[in-house]
Amino acid sequence: MPTARRLALLLLILCFRCSSVAAWQSAPNSNSATAPLRIICFGAHPDDAEYKSGGTAALWAAAGHKVKMVSVTNGDIGHWNMAG
């Protein structure tokens, strides 16, 4: 497995692990019916998350929830073999 894929997988696992621990620790003290959701959307490349789920993210944000978009790569190379 290439190093970049390993790093991306590790970051994804850590994000889910940290978010589940934080949600578990804060659950007894929060009112889940009124607390805003924290939503995160991952995309492989810049603009992937926005392009595929931007409308839904805008609806959730307009409803008062916290929405973040994350790009796993920085977009400096187009193709693995034919770099731009």
PDB file of N, CA and C in Angstrom:
ATOM      1  N   MET A   1       0.850  -1.176   0.000  1.00  0.00           N
ATOM      2  CA  MET A   1       0.000   0.000   0.000  1.00  0.00           C
ATOM      3  C   MET A   1       0.893   1.235   0.000  1.00  0.00           C
ATOM      4  N   PRO A   2       0.680   2.164  -0.916  1.00  0.00           N
ATOM      5  CA  PRO A   2       1.515   3.369  -0.972  1.00  0.00           C
ATOM      6  C   PRO A   2       1.425   4.180   0.322  1.00  0.00           C
ATOM      7  N   THR A   3       2.469   4.932   0.577  1.00  0.00           N
ATOM      8  CA  THR A   3       2.556   5.701   1.810  1.00  0.00           C
ATOM      9  C   THR A   3       1.405   6.694   1.947  1.00  0.00           C
ATOM     10  N   ALA A   4       1.036   7.353   0.878  1.00  0.00           N
ATOM     11  CA  ALA A   4      -0.058   8.337   0.941  1.00  0.00           C
ATOM     12  C   ALA A   4      -1.377   7.668   1.316  1.00  0.00           C
ATOM     13  N   ARG A   5      -1.627   6.485   0.795  1.00  0.00           N
ATOM     14  CA  ARG A   5      -2.860   5.764   1.130  1.00  0.00           C
ATOM     15  C   ARG A   5      -2.851   5.331   2.587  1.00  0.00           C
ATOM     16  N   ARG A   6      -1.692   4.891   3.061  1.00  0.00           N
ATOM     17  CA  ARG A   6      -1.589   4.504   4.472  1.00  0.00           C
ATOM     18  C   ARG A   6      -1.861   5.692   5.376  1.00  0.00           C
ATOM     19  N   LEU A   7      -1.284   6.836   5.033  1.00  0.00           N
ATOM     20  CA  LEU A   7      -1.477   8.037   5.830  1.00  0.00           C
ATOM     21  C   LEU A   7      -2.943   8.464   5.815  1.00  0.00           C
ATOM     22  N   ALA A   8      -3.566   8.434   4.650  1.00  0.00           N
ATOM     23  CA  ALA A   8      -4.976   8.813   4.551  1.00  0.00           C
ATOM     24  C   ALA A   8      -5.853   7.866   5.365  1.00  0.00           C
ATOM     25  N   LEU A   9      -5.577   6.578   5.292  1.00  0.00           N
ATOM     26  CA  LEU A   9      -6.339   5.597   6.056  1.00  0.00           C
ATOM     27  C   LEU A   9      -6.144   5.804   7.550  1.00  0.00           C
ATOM     28  N   LEU A  10      -4.915   6.054   7.965  1.00  0.00           N
ATOM     29  CA  LEU A  10      -4.631   6.299   9.379  1.00  0.00           C
ATOM     30  C   LEU A  10      -5.367   7.540   9.874  1.00  0.00           C
ATOM     31  N   LEU A  11      -5.339   8.618   9.093  1.00  0.00           N
ATOM     32  CA  LEU A  11      -6.042   9.845   9.483  1.00  0.00           C
ATOM     33  C   LEU A  11      -7.544   9.614   9.582  1.00  0.00           C
ATOM     34  N   LEU A  12      -8.089   8.863   8.654  1.00  0.00           N
ATOM     35  CA  LEU A  12      -9.512   8.570   8.671  1.00  0.00           C
ATOM     36  C   LEU A  12      -9.890   7.769   9.913  1.00  0.00           C
ATOM     37  N   ILE A  13      -9.089   6.763  10.235  1.00  0.00           N
ATOM     38  CA  ILE A  13      -9.345   5.951  11.424  1.00  0.00           C
ATOM     39  C   ILE A  13      -9.247   6.798  12.682  1.00  0.00           C
ATOM     40  N   LEU A  14      -8.226   7.646  12.760  1.00  0.00           N
ATOM     41  CA  LEU A  14      -8.064   8.501  13.935  1.00  0.00           C
ATOM     42  C   LEU A  14      -9.219   9.480  14.081  1.00  0.00           C
ATOM     43  N   CYS A  15      -9.686  10.035  12.976  1.00  0.00           N
ATOM     44  CA  CYS A  15     -10.813  10.977  13.039  1.00  0.00           C
ATOM     45  C   CYS A  15     -12.062  10.298  13.581  1.00  0.00           C
ATOM     46  N   PHE A  16     -12.362   9.107  13.074  1.00  0.00           N
ATOM     47  CA  PHE A  16     -13.539   8.400  13.556  1.00  0.00           C
ATOM     48  C   PHE A  16     -13.365   7.979  15.009  1.00  0.00           C
ATOM     49  N   ARG A  17     -12.176   7.557  15.373  1.00  0.00           N
ATOM     50  CA  ARG A  17     -11.910   7.132  16.748  1.00  0.00           C
ATOM     51  C   ARG A  17     -12.058   8.308  17.709  1.00  0.00           C
ATOM     52  N   CYS A  18     -11.449   9.440  17.371  1.00  0.00           N
ATOM     53  CA  CYS A  18     -11.516  10.619  18.239  1.00  0.00           C
ATOM     54  C   CYS A  18     -12.934  11.157  18.334  1.00  0.00           C
ATOM     55  N   SER A  19     -13.657  11.166  17.219  1.00  0.00           N
ATOM     56  CA  SER A  19     -15.017  11.702  17.255  1.00  0.00           C
ATOM     57  C   SER A  19     -15.945  10.797  18.053  1.00  0.00           C
ATOM     58  N   SER A  20     -15.752   9.483  17.972  1.00  0.00           N
ATOM     59  CA  SER A  20     -16.615   8.587  18.736  1.00  0.00           C
ATOM     60  C   SER A  20     -16.328   8.694  20.225  1.00  0.00           C
ATOM     61  N   VAL A  21     -15.067   8.868  20.604  1.00  0.00           N
ATOM     62  CA  VAL A  21     -14.719   9.038  22.019  1.00  0.00           C
ATOM     63  C   VAL A  21     -15.281  10.352  22.535  1.00  0.00           C
ATOM     64  N   ALA A  22     -15.149  11.426  21.759  1.00  0.00           N
ATOM     65  CA  ALA A  22     -15.663  12.728  22.178  1.00  0.00           C
ATOM     66  C   ALA A  22     -17.184  12.696  22.311  1.00  0.00           C
ATOM     67  N   ALA A  23     -17.858  12.040  21.388  1.00  0.00           N
ATOM     68  CA  ALA A  23     -19.315  11.949  21.455  1.00  0.00           C
ATOM     69  C   ALA A  23     -19.748  11.133  22.664  1.00  0.00           C
ATOM     70  N   TRP A  24     -19.031  10.067  22.959  1.00  0.00           N
ATOM     71  CA  TRP A  24     -19.368   9.230  24.102  1.00  0.00           C
ATOM     72  C   TRP A  24     -19.164   9.979  25.405  1.00  0.00           C
ATOM     73  N   GLN A  25     -18.090  10.755  25.516  1.00  0.00           N
ATOM     74  CA  GLN A  25     -17.805  11.481  26.747  1.00  0.00           C
ATOM     75  C   GLN A  25     -18.765  12.641  26.962  1.00  0.00           C
ATOM     76  N   SER A  26     -19.238  13.268  25.899  1.00  0.00           N
ATOM     77  CA  SER A  26     -20.100  14.436  26.056  1.00  0.00           C
ATOM     78  C   SER A  26     -21.585  14.081  26.071  1.00  0.00           C
ATOM     79  N   ALA A  27     -21.944  12.846  25.784  1.00  0.00           N
ATOM     80  CA  ALA A  27     -23.343  12.470  25.675  1.00  0.00           C
ATOM     81  C   ALA A  27     -24.149  12.664  26.960  1.00  0.00           C
ATOM     82  N   PRO A  28     -23.654  12.295  28.148  1.00  0.00           N
ATOM     83  CA  PRO A  28     -24.486  12.445  29.340  1.00  0.00           C
ATOM     84  C   PRO A  28     -24.828  13.897  29.672  1.00  0.00           C
ATOM     85  N   ASN A  29     -24.003  14.851  29.290  1.00  0.00           N
ATOM     86  CA  ASN A  29     -24.212  16.239  29.664  1.00  0.00           C
ATOM     87  C   ASN A  29     -24.945  17.060  28.617  1.00  0.00           C
ATOM     88  N   SER A  30     -25.199  16.508  27.454  1.00  0.00           N
ATOM     89  CA  SER A  30     -25.804  17.307  26.388  1.00  0.00           C
ATOM     90  C   SER A  30     -27.219  16.839  26.096  1.00  0.00           C
ATOM     91  N   ASN A  31     -28.028  17.763  25.643  1.00  0.00           N
ATOM     92  CA  ASN A  31     -29.380  17.457  25.214  1.00  0.00           C
ATOM     93  C   ASN A  31     -29.339  17.183  23.720  1.00  0.00           C
ATOM     94  N   SER A  32     -29.428  15.926  23.332  1.00  0.00           N
ATOM     95  CA  SER A  32     -29.243  15.554  21.928  1.00  0.00           C
ATOM     96  C   SER A  32     -30.356  16.080  21.027  1.00  0.00           C
ATOM     97  N   ALA A  33     -31.512  16.425  21.589  1.00  0.00           N
ATOM     98  CA  ALA A  33     -32.607  16.928  20.764  1.00  0.00           C
ATOM     99  C   ALA A  33     -32.361  18.363  20.303  1.00  0.00           C
ATOM    100  N   THR A  34     -31.606  19.144  21.071  1.00  0.00           N
ATOM    101  CA  THR A  34     -31.399  20.545  20.718  1.00  0.00           C
ATOM    102  C   THR A  34     -29.962  20.864  20.326  1.00  0.00           C
ATOM    103  N   ALA A  35     -29.040  19.980  20.618  1.00  0.00           N
ATOM    104  CA  ALA A  35     -27.632  20.248  20.310  1.00  0.00           C
ATOM    105  C   ALA A  35     -27.398  20.152  18.802  1.00  0.00           C
ATOM    106  N   PRO A  36     -26.645  21.101  18.225  1.00  0.00           N
ATOM    107  CA  PRO A  36     -26.362  21.017  16.783  1.00  0.00           C
ATOM    108  C   PRO A  36     -25.440  19.842  16.471  1.00  0.00           C
ATOM    109  N   LEU A  37     -25.655  19.237  15.332  1.00  0.00           N
ATOM    110  CA  LEU A  37     -24.803  18.138  14.886  1.00  0.00           C
ATOM    111  C   LEU A  37     -23.474  18.693  14.398  1.00  0.00           C
ATOM    112  N   ARG A  38     -22.428  17.893  14.505  1.00  0.00           N
ATOM    113  CA  ARG A  38     -21.129  18.228  13.916  1.00  0.00           C
ATOM    114  C   ARG A  38     -20.924  17.268  12.755  1.00  0.00           C
ATOM    115  N   ILE A  39     -20.987  17.782  11.543  1.00  0.00           N
ATOM    116  CA  ILE A  39     -20.949  16.967  10.331  1.00  0.00           C
ATOM    117  C   ILE A  39     -19.645  17.234   9.600  1.00  0.00           C
ATOM    118  N   ILE A  40     -18.982  16.155   9.170  1.00  0.00           N
ATOM    119  CA  ILE A  40     -17.737  16.294   8.413  1.00  0.00           C
ATOM    120  C   ILE A  40     -17.851  15.440   7.153  1.00  0.00           C
ATOM    121  N   CYS A  41     -17.433  16.001   6.039  1.00  0.00           N
ATOM    122  CA  CYS A  41     -17.490  15.310   4.755  1.00  0.00           C
ATOM    123  C   CYS A  41     -16.083  15.244   4.176  1.00  0.00           C
ATOM    124  N   PHE A  42     -15.637  14.048   3.842  1.00  0.00           N
ATOM    125  CA  PHE A  42     -14.300  13.848   3.290  1.00  0.00           C
ATOM    126  C   PHE A  42     -14.369  13.700   1.776  1.00  0.00           C
ATOM    127  N   GLY A  43     -13.413  14.322   1.094  1.00  0.00           N
ATOM    128  CA  GLY A  43     -13.258  14.171  -0.344  1.00  0.00           C
ATOM    129  C   GLY A  43     -11.818  13.813  -0.655  1.00  0.00           C
ATOM    130  N   ALA A  44     -11.608  13.040  -1.692  1.00  0.00           N
ATOM    131  CA  ALA A  44     -10.249  12.625  -2.045  1.00  0.00           C
ATOM    132  C   ALA A  44      -9.435  13.790  -2.582  1.00  0.00           C
ATOM    133  N   HIS A  45     -10.062  14.655  -3.347  1.00  0.00           N
ATOM    134  CA  HIS A  45      -9.370  15.771  -3.993  1.00  0.00           C
ATOM    135  C   HIS A  45     -10.058  17.079  -3.619  1.00  0.00           C
ATOM    136  N   PRO A  46      -9.371  18.206  -3.800  1.00  0.00           N
ATOM    137  CA  PRO A  46     -10.030  19.493  -3.566  1.00  0.00           C
ATOM    138  C   PRO A  46     -11.288  19.613  -4.426  1.00  0.00           C
ATOM    139  N   ASP A  47     -12.334  20.099  -3.856  1.00  0.00           N
ATOM    140  CA  ASP A  47     -13.652  20.304  -4.467  1.00  0.00           C
ATOM    141  C   ASP A  47     -14.481  19.029  -4.601  1.00  0.00           C
ATOM    142  N   ASP A  48     -13.961  17.849  -4.296  1.00  0.00           N
ATOM    143  CA  ASP A  48     -14.774  16.629  -4.383  1.00  0.00           C
ATOM    144  C   ASP A  48     -15.925  16.661  -3.381  1.00  0.00           C
ATOM    145  N   ALA A  49     -15.622  16.959  -2.131  1.00  0.00           N
ATOM    146  CA  ALA A  49     -16.661  16.975  -1.101  1.00  0.00           C
ATOM    147  C   ALA A  49     -17.691  18.065  -1.390  1.00  0.00           C
ATOM    148  N   GLU A  50     -17.224  19.238  -1.806  1.00  0.00           N
ATOM    149  CA  GLU A  50     -18.130  20.339  -2.097  1.00  0.00           C
ATOM    150  C   GLU A  50     -19.013  20.024  -3.303  1.00  0.00           C
ATOM    151  N   TYR A  51     -18.419  19.421  -4.320  1.00  0.00           N
ATOM    152  CA  TYR A  51     -19.158  19.115  -5.541  1.00  0.00           C
ATOM    153  C   TYR A  51     -20.224  18.046  -5.297  1.00  0.00           C
ATOM    154  N   LYS A  52     -19.884  17.033  -4.518  1.00  0.00           N
ATOM    155  CA  LYS A  52     -20.792  15.907  -4.334  1.00  0.00           C
ATOM    156  C   LYS A  52     -21.799  16.107  -3.207  1.00  0.00           C
ATOM    157  N   SER A  53     -21.468  16.907  -2.198  1.00  0.00           N
ATOM    158  CA  SER A  53     -22.395  17.053  -1.077  1.00  0.00           C
ATOM    159  C   SER A  53     -22.575  18.498  -0.637  1.00  0.00           C
ATOM    160  N   GLY A  54     -22.206  19.436  -1.481  1.00  0.00           N
ATOM    161  CA  GLY A  54     -22.299  20.846  -1.112  1.00  0.00           C
ATOM    162  C   GLY A  54     -23.714  21.318  -0.827  1.00  0.00           C
ATOM    163  N   GLY A  55     -24.668  20.880  -1.624  1.00  0.00           N
ATOM    164  CA  GLY A  55     -26.059  21.283  -1.410  1.00  0.00           C
ATOM    165  C   GLY A  55     -26.613  20.759  -0.104  1.00  0.00           C
ATOM    166  N   THR A  56     -26.338  19.496   0.176  1.00  0.00           N
ATOM    167  CA  THR A  56     -26.784  18.905   1.430  1.00  0.00           C
ATOM    168  C   THR A  56     -26.105  19.583   2.612  1.00  0.00           C
ATOM    169  N   ALA A  57     -24.811  19.866   2.474  1.00  0.00           N
ATOM    170  CA  ALA A  57     -24.079  20.548   3.546  1.00  0.00           C
ATOM    171  C   ALA A  57     -24.656  21.935   3.795  1.00  0.00           C
ATOM    172  N   ALA A  58     -25.044  22.632   2.737  1.00  0.00           N
ATOM    173  CA  ALA A  58     -25.645  23.959   2.894  1.00  0.00           C
ATOM    174  C   ALA A  58     -26.977  23.882   3.635  1.00  0.00           C
ATOM    175  N   LEU A  59     -27.767  22.854   3.351  1.00  0.00           N
ATOM    176  CA  LEU A  59     -29.040  22.683   4.054  1.00  0.00           C
ATOM    177  C   LEU A  59     -28.821  22.408   5.540  1.00  0.00           C
ATOM    178  N   TRP A  60     -27.862  21.536   5.857  1.00  0.00           N
ATOM    179  CA  TRP A  60     -27.560  21.237   7.260  1.00  0.00           C
ATOM    180  C   TRP A  60     -27.034  22.477   7.977  1.00  0.00           C
ATOM    181  N   ALA A  61     -26.164  23.240   7.313  1.00  0.00           N
ATOM    182  CA  ALA A  61     -25.619  24.459   7.923  1.00  0.00           C
ATOM    183  C   ALA A  61     -26.725  25.495   8.140  1.00  0.00           C
ATOM    184  N   ALA A  62     -27.642  25.617   7.184  1.00  0.00           N
ATOM    185  CA  ALA A  62     -28.752  26.559   7.331  1.00  0.00           C
ATOM    186  C   ALA A  62     -29.671  26.162   8.483  1.00  0.00           C
ATOM    187  N   ALA A  63     -29.703  24.870   8.799  1.00  0.00           N
ATOM    188  CA  ALA A  63     -30.516  24.384   9.915  1.00  0.00           C
ATOM    189  C   ALA A  63     -29.813  24.571  11.258  1.00  0.00           C
ATOM    190  N   GLY A  64     -28.593  25.123  11.236  1.00  0.00           N
ATOM    191  CA  GLY A  64     -27.890  25.419  12.484  1.00  0.00           C
ATOM    192  C   GLY A  64     -26.847  24.404  12.897  1.00  0.00           C
ATOM    193  N   HIS A  65     -26.547  23.455  12.039  1.00  0.00           N
ATOM    194  CA  HIS A  65     -25.547  22.443  12.368  1.00  0.00           C
ATOM    195  C   HIS A  65     -24.164  22.895  11.897  1.00  0.00           C
ATOM    196  N   LYS A  66     -23.129  22.326  12.489  1.00  0.00           N
ATOM    197  CA  LYS A  66     -21.752  22.673  12.125  1.00  0.00           C
ATOM    198  C   LYS A  66     -21.272  21.701  11.054  1.00  0.00           C
ATOM    199  N   VAL A  67     -20.887  22.225   9.896  1.00  0.00           N
ATOM    200  CA  VAL A  67     -20.490  21.392   8.760  1.00  0.00           C
ATOM    201  C   VAL A  67     -19.070  21.749   8.343  1.00  0.00           C
ATOM    202  N   LYS A  68     -18.233  20.730   8.139  1.00  0.00           N
ATOM    203  CA  LYS A  68     -16.863  20.933   7.653  1.00  0.00           C
ATOM    204  C   LYS A  68     -16.629  20.036   6.451  1.00  0.00           C
ATOM    205  N   MET A  69     -15.815  20.525   5.518  1.00  0.00           N
ATOM    206  CA  MET A  69     -15.404  19.761   4.345  1.00  0.00           C
ATOM    207  C   MET A  69     -13.898  19.543   4.435  1.00  0.00           C
ATOM    208  N   VAL A  70     -13.450  18.317   4.186  1.00  0.00           N
ATOM    209  CA  VAL A  70     -12.033  17.978   4.286  1.00  0.00           C
ATOM    210  C   VAL A  70     -11.574  17.353   2.979  1.00  0.00           C
ATOM    211  N   SER A  71     -10.446  17.819   2.476  1.00  0.00           N
ATOM    212  CA  SER A  71      -9.812  17.227   1.302  1.00  0.00           C
ATOM    213  C   SER A  71      -8.621  16.407   1.774  1.00  0.00           C
ATOM    214  N   VAL A  72      -8.523  15.167   1.314  1.00  0.00           N
ATOM    215  CA  VAL A  72      -7.452  14.281   1.759  1.00  0.00           C
ATOM    216  C   VAL A  72      -6.136  14.597   1.054  1.00  0.00           C
ATOM    217  N   THR A  73      -6.195  15.196  -0.133  1.00  0.00           N
ATOM    218  CA  THR A  73      -4.979  15.581  -0.850  1.00  0.00           C
ATOM    219  C   THR A  73      -4.971  17.088  -1.049  1.00  0.00           C
ATOM    220  N   ASN A  74      -3.809  17.629  -1.414  1.00  0.00           N
ATOM    221  CA  ASN A  74      -3.731  19.077  -1.610  1.00  0.00           C
ATOM    222  C   ASN A  74      -3.941  19.487  -3.065  1.00  0.00           C
ATOM    223  N   GLY A  75      -4.070  18.542  -3.981  1.00  0.00           N
ATOM    224  CA  GLY A  75      -4.385  18.850  -5.363  1.00  0.00           C
ATOM    225  C   GLY A  75      -3.219  19.323  -6.209  1.00  0.00           C
ATOM    226  N   ASP A  76      -1.980  19.095  -5.763  1.00  0.00           N
ATOM    227  CA  ASP A  76      -0.841  19.594  -6.536  1.00  0.00           C
ATOM    228  C   ASP A  76      -0.451  18.689  -7.694  1.00  0.00           C
ATOM    229  N   ILE A  77      -0.976  17.465  -7.742  1.00  0.00           N
ATOM    230  CA  ILE A  77      -0.651  16.529  -8.824  1.00  0.00           C
ATOM    231  C   ILE A  77      -1.962  15.990  -9.385  1.00  0.00           C
ATOM    232  N   GLY A  78      -2.091  16.007 -10.712  1.00  0.00           N
ATOM    233  CA  GLY A  78      -3.318  15.531 -11.325  1.00  0.00           C
ATOM    234  C   GLY A  78      -3.392  14.021 -11.435  1.00  0.00           C
ATOM    235  N   HIS A  79      -2.420  13.412 -12.054  1.00  0.00           N
ATOM    236  CA  HIS A  79      -2.422  11.972 -12.294  1.00  0.00           C
ATOM    237  C   HIS A  79      -1.163  11.386 -11.683  1.00  0.00           C
ATOM    238  N   TRP A  80      -1.244  10.164 -11.165  1.00  0.00           N
ATOM    239  CA  TRP A  80      -0.094   9.565 -10.477  1.00  0.00           C
ATOM    240  C   TRP A  80       1.099   9.369 -11.401  1.00  0.00           C
ATOM    241  N   ASN A  81       0.836   9.183 -12.695  1.00  0.00           N
ATOM    242  CA  ASN A  81       1.916   8.922 -13.635  1.00  0.00           C
ATOM    243  C   ASN A  81       2.274  10.165 -14.455  1.00  0.00           C
ATOM    244  N   MET A  82       1.297  11.000 -14.715  1.00  0.00           N
ATOM    245  CA  MET A  82       1.512  12.197 -15.535  1.00  0.00           C
ATOM    246  C   MET A  82       1.258  13.437 -14.686  1.00  0.00           C
ATOM    247  N   ALA A  83       2.199  13.772 -13.842  1.00  0.00           N
ATOM    248  CA  ALA A  83       2.024  14.918 -12.947  1.00  0.00           C
ATOM    249  C   ALA A  83       1.923  16.201 -13.746  1.00  0.00           C
ATOM    250  N   GLY A  84       1.074  17.099 -13.267  1.00  0.00           N
ATOM    251  CA  GLY A  84       0.859  18.362 -13.954  1.00  0.00           C
ATOM    252  C   GLY A  84       1.851  19.347 -13.503  1.00  0.00           C
TER     253      GLY A  84
END
